[in-house]
């Protein structure tokens, strides 16, 4: 049986985003993260952080072309950065 959460806590969102809870509160206040106030706590809809979109073949091809172009133009620089 798989149970998916409908809402996340500010601590869970902070962990997902790799930030602290204060940053999550600031983003809620600024509107960057949608949340519902329940008592003294915020409930954040999990759907904001779960992506069900899959890359289409066109998008995959576009990404591949961009990466190839970057490697072609900056390959030597990437190698030098990798050696540091």
N, C-alpha and C. Protein backbone atom coordinates (compact mmCIF):
# COMPACT_ATOMS: atom_id res chain seq x y z
N UNK A 1 0.84 -1.17 0.00
CA UNK A 1 0.00 0.00 0.00
C UNK A 1 0.89 1.24 0.00
N UNK A 2 0.69 2.14 -0.94
CA UNK A 2 1.47 3.36 -1.03
C UNK A 2 0.62 4.52 -0.55
N UNK A 3 1.15 5.24 0.41
CA UNK A 3 0.46 6.41 0.93
C UNK A 3 1.26 7.63 0.50
N UNK A 4 0.60 8.56 -0.16
CA UNK A 4 1.26 9.79 -0.54
C UNK A 4 0.70 10.92 0.31
N UNK A 5 1.57 11.79 0.74
CA UNK A 5 1.14 12.90 1.56
C UNK A 5 0.54 13.99 0.69
N UNK A 6 -0.51 14.58 1.18
CA UNK A 6 -1.15 15.68 0.48
C UNK A 6 -0.45 16.99 0.83
N UNK A 7 -0.01 17.10 2.07
CA UNK A 7 0.64 18.32 2.54
C UNK A 7 2.00 18.00 3.15
N UNK A 8 2.90 18.98 3.08
CA UNK A 8 4.22 18.86 3.67
C UNK A 8 4.38 19.90 4.76
N UNK A 9 5.26 19.63 5.71
CA UNK A 9 5.58 20.60 6.75
C UNK A 9 6.68 21.53 6.24
N UNK A 10 6.88 22.62 6.96
CA UNK A 10 7.95 23.53 6.57
C UNK A 10 9.32 22.84 6.69
N UNK A 11 9.47 21.96 7.65
CA UNK A 11 10.73 21.22 7.80
C UNK A 11 10.98 20.31 6.60
N UNK A 12 9.94 19.62 6.16
CA UNK A 12 10.08 18.73 5.00
C UNK A 12 10.42 19.51 3.74
N UNK A 13 9.78 20.67 3.55
CA UNK A 13 10.06 21.49 2.37
C UNK A 13 11.49 22.02 2.44
N UNK A 14 11.91 22.44 3.63
CA UNK A 14 13.29 22.92 3.79
C UNK A 14 14.29 21.84 3.41
N UNK A 15 14.01 20.61 3.81
CA UNK A 15 14.90 19.50 3.47
C UNK A 15 14.91 19.24 1.96
N UNK A 16 13.75 19.28 1.34
CA UNK A 16 13.66 19.06 -0.11
C UNK A 16 14.45 20.12 -0.87
N UNK A 17 14.31 21.39 -0.44
CA UNK A 17 14.95 22.49 -1.14
C UNK A 17 16.40 22.70 -0.73
N UNK A 18 16.80 22.08 0.37
CA UNK A 18 18.17 22.25 0.84
C UNK A 18 18.40 23.62 1.47
N UNK A 19 17.37 24.16 2.12
CA UNK A 19 17.47 25.46 2.78
C UNK A 19 16.99 25.29 4.22
N UNK A 20 17.08 26.36 5.02
CA UNK A 20 16.58 26.25 6.38
C UNK A 20 15.10 26.67 6.44
N UNK A 21 14.47 26.42 7.58
CA UNK A 21 13.04 26.69 7.72
C UNK A 21 12.72 28.18 7.60
N UNK A 22 13.62 29.04 8.04
CA UNK A 22 13.40 30.48 7.95
C UNK A 22 13.25 30.88 6.48
N UNK A 23 14.07 30.32 5.63
CA UNK A 23 13.98 30.60 4.19
C UNK A 23 12.62 30.16 3.65
N UNK A 24 12.14 29.00 4.10
CA UNK A 24 10.82 28.52 3.67
C UNK A 24 9.75 29.51 4.12
N UNK A 25 9.82 29.99 5.37
CA UNK A 25 8.84 30.97 5.86
C UNK A 25 8.89 32.25 5.03
N UNK A 26 10.08 32.69 4.69
CA UNK A 26 10.21 33.90 3.86
C UNK A 26 9.58 33.70 2.48
N UNK A 27 9.81 32.52 1.90
CA UNK A 27 9.23 32.25 0.58
C UNK A 27 7.72 32.14 0.64
N UNK A 28 7.20 31.63 1.74
CA UNK A 28 5.75 31.57 1.92
C UNK A 28 5.21 33.00 2.00
N UNK A 29 5.86 33.83 2.81
CA UNK A 29 5.42 35.21 2.99
C UNK A 29 5.47 36.00 1.69
N UNK A 30 6.50 35.76 0.87
CA UNK A 30 6.64 36.49 -0.40
C UNK A 30 5.77 35.91 -1.51
N UNK A 31 5.16 34.75 -1.25
CA UNK A 31 4.30 34.14 -2.26
C UNK A 31 5.01 33.13 -3.15
N UNK A 32 6.29 32.90 -2.90
CA UNK A 32 7.05 31.95 -3.70
C UNK A 32 6.64 30.51 -3.46
N UNK A 33 6.15 30.26 -2.27
CA UNK A 33 5.62 28.94 -1.92
C UNK A 33 4.21 29.13 -1.43
N UNK A 34 3.29 28.39 -2.02
CA UNK A 34 1.90 28.47 -1.60
C UNK A 34 1.70 27.57 -0.39
N UNK A 35 1.04 28.12 0.64
CA UNK A 35 0.82 27.36 1.87
C UNK A 35 -0.49 27.79 2.51
N UNK A 36 -1.04 26.89 3.29
CA UNK A 36 -2.25 27.18 4.04
C UNK A 36 -1.89 27.24 5.51
N UNK A 37 -2.40 28.26 6.17
CA UNK A 37 -2.14 28.41 7.61
C UNK A 37 -3.16 27.57 8.36
N UNK A 38 -2.67 26.66 9.18
CA UNK A 38 -3.53 25.82 10.00
C UNK A 38 -3.07 26.02 11.44
N UNK A 39 -3.83 26.78 12.18
CA UNK A 39 -3.42 27.13 13.53
C UNK A 39 -2.16 27.97 13.47
N UNK A 40 -1.12 27.51 14.14
CA UNK A 40 0.16 28.22 14.14
C UNK A 40 1.11 27.68 13.08
N UNK A 41 0.70 26.66 12.34
CA UNK A 41 1.58 26.00 11.39
C UNK A 41 1.13 26.24 9.95
N UNK A 42 2.04 25.97 9.04
CA UNK A 42 1.73 26.04 7.62
C UNK A 42 1.66 24.63 7.06
N UNK A 43 0.68 24.41 6.20
CA UNK A 43 0.57 23.16 5.46
C UNK A 43 0.83 23.51 3.99
N UNK A 44 1.81 22.87 3.42
CA UNK A 44 2.24 23.18 2.06
C UNK A 44 1.83 22.04 1.15
N UNK A 45 1.01 22.33 0.13
CA UNK A 45 0.59 21.27 -0.79
C UNK A 45 1.80 20.58 -1.43
N UNK A 46 1.84 19.27 -1.31
CA UNK A 46 2.98 18.49 -1.81
C UNK A 46 3.10 18.57 -3.33
N UNK A 47 2.00 18.82 -4.02
CA UNK A 47 2.03 18.84 -5.49
C UNK A 47 2.98 19.89 -6.03
N UNK A 48 3.33 20.91 -5.23
CA UNK A 48 4.27 21.93 -5.68
C UNK A 48 5.68 21.37 -5.87
N UNK A 49 5.96 20.28 -5.15
CA UNK A 49 7.32 19.75 -5.14
C UNK A 49 7.45 18.38 -5.78
N UNK A 50 6.36 17.87 -6.28
CA UNK A 50 6.38 16.57 -6.95
C UNK A 50 6.07 16.82 -8.41
N UNK A 51 7.03 16.56 -9.25
CA UNK A 51 6.85 16.80 -10.67
C UNK A 51 6.44 15.50 -11.36
N UNK A 52 5.31 15.54 -12.00
CA UNK A 52 4.84 14.37 -12.74
C UNK A 52 5.10 14.51 -14.24
N UNK A 53 5.73 15.61 -14.60
CA UNK A 53 5.99 15.85 -16.01
C UNK A 53 7.20 15.04 -16.45
N UNK A 54 7.08 14.47 -17.60
CA UNK A 54 8.20 13.73 -18.18
C UNK A 54 8.72 14.53 -19.38
N UNK A 55 10.00 14.40 -19.61
CA UNK A 55 10.58 15.09 -20.75
C UNK A 55 10.14 14.41 -22.04
N UNK A 56 9.73 15.23 -22.98
CA UNK A 56 9.37 14.69 -24.30
C UNK A 56 10.67 14.44 -25.05
N UNK A 57 10.57 13.67 -26.10
CA UNK A 57 11.75 13.39 -26.93
C UNK A 57 12.31 14.66 -27.53
N UNK A 58 11.43 15.61 -27.89
CA UNK A 58 11.90 16.89 -28.44
C UNK A 58 12.73 17.65 -27.42
N UNK A 59 12.26 17.68 -26.17
CA UNK A 59 13.00 18.38 -25.12
C UNK A 59 14.33 17.69 -24.84
N UNK A 60 14.33 16.35 -24.84
CA UNK A 60 15.57 15.61 -24.62
C UNK A 60 16.58 15.94 -25.71
N UNK A 61 16.12 15.99 -26.96
CA UNK A 61 16.99 16.31 -28.08
C UNK A 61 17.52 17.74 -27.96
N UNK A 62 16.66 18.66 -27.56
CA UNK A 62 17.06 20.05 -27.39
C UNK A 62 18.14 20.17 -26.30
N UNK A 63 17.95 19.48 -25.19
CA UNK A 63 18.93 19.50 -24.10
C UNK A 63 20.25 18.90 -24.57
N UNK A 64 20.18 17.80 -25.31
CA UNK A 64 21.39 17.14 -25.81
C UNK A 64 22.18 18.10 -26.72
N UNK A 65 21.48 18.82 -27.60
CA UNK A 65 22.14 19.75 -28.50
C UNK A 65 22.82 20.88 -27.73
N UNK A 66 22.15 21.38 -26.70
CA UNK A 66 22.72 22.46 -25.89
C UNK A 66 23.97 21.99 -25.17
N UNK A 67 23.92 20.79 -24.61
CA UNK A 67 25.08 20.24 -23.91
C UNK A 67 26.23 20.02 -24.89
N UNK A 68 25.96 19.47 -26.05
CA UNK A 68 27.00 19.24 -27.05
C UNK A 68 27.65 20.55 -27.48
N UNK A 69 26.83 21.59 -27.65
CA UNK A 69 27.35 22.90 -28.05
C UNK A 69 28.25 23.46 -26.94
N UNK A 70 27.82 23.34 -25.70
CA UNK A 70 28.62 23.85 -24.57
C UNK A 70 29.95 23.10 -24.48
N UNK A 71 29.90 21.79 -24.65
CA UNK A 71 31.14 20.99 -24.58
C UNK A 71 32.07 21.37 -25.73
N UNK A 72 31.51 21.57 -26.90
CA UNK A 72 32.31 21.94 -28.07
C UNK A 72 32.99 23.30 -27.84
N UNK A 73 32.21 24.28 -27.34
CA UNK A 73 32.75 25.62 -27.17
C UNK A 73 33.61 25.78 -25.93
N UNK A 74 33.27 25.07 -24.86
CA UNK A 74 33.95 25.29 -23.58
C UNK A 74 34.59 24.03 -23.02
N UNK A 75 34.76 23.02 -23.85
CA UNK A 75 35.30 21.75 -23.39
C UNK A 75 36.63 21.86 -22.67
N UNK A 76 37.53 22.65 -23.22
CA UNK A 76 38.85 22.81 -22.59
C UNK A 76 38.72 23.50 -21.23
N UNK A 77 37.84 24.48 -21.17
CA UNK A 77 37.61 25.18 -19.89
C UNK A 77 37.03 24.23 -18.86
N UNK A 78 36.08 23.38 -19.28
CA UNK A 78 35.50 22.40 -18.38
C UNK A 78 36.58 21.46 -17.84
N UNK A 79 37.49 21.04 -18.71
CA UNK A 79 38.58 20.15 -18.29
C UNK A 79 39.48 20.83 -17.25
N UNK A 80 39.81 22.10 -17.51
CA UNK A 80 40.64 22.84 -16.58
C UNK A 80 39.95 23.02 -15.23
N UNK A 81 38.66 23.31 -15.26
CA UNK A 81 37.89 23.46 -14.02
C UNK A 81 37.82 22.14 -13.27
N UNK A 82 37.71 21.05 -14.00
CA UNK A 82 37.65 19.73 -13.37
C UNK A 82 38.95 19.34 -12.69
N UNK A 83 40.08 19.89 -13.17
CA UNK A 83 41.37 19.58 -12.58
C UNK A 83 41.63 20.34 -11.30
N UNK A 84 40.85 21.40 -11.04
CA UNK A 84 41.09 22.23 -9.83
C UNK A 84 40.62 21.53 -8.59
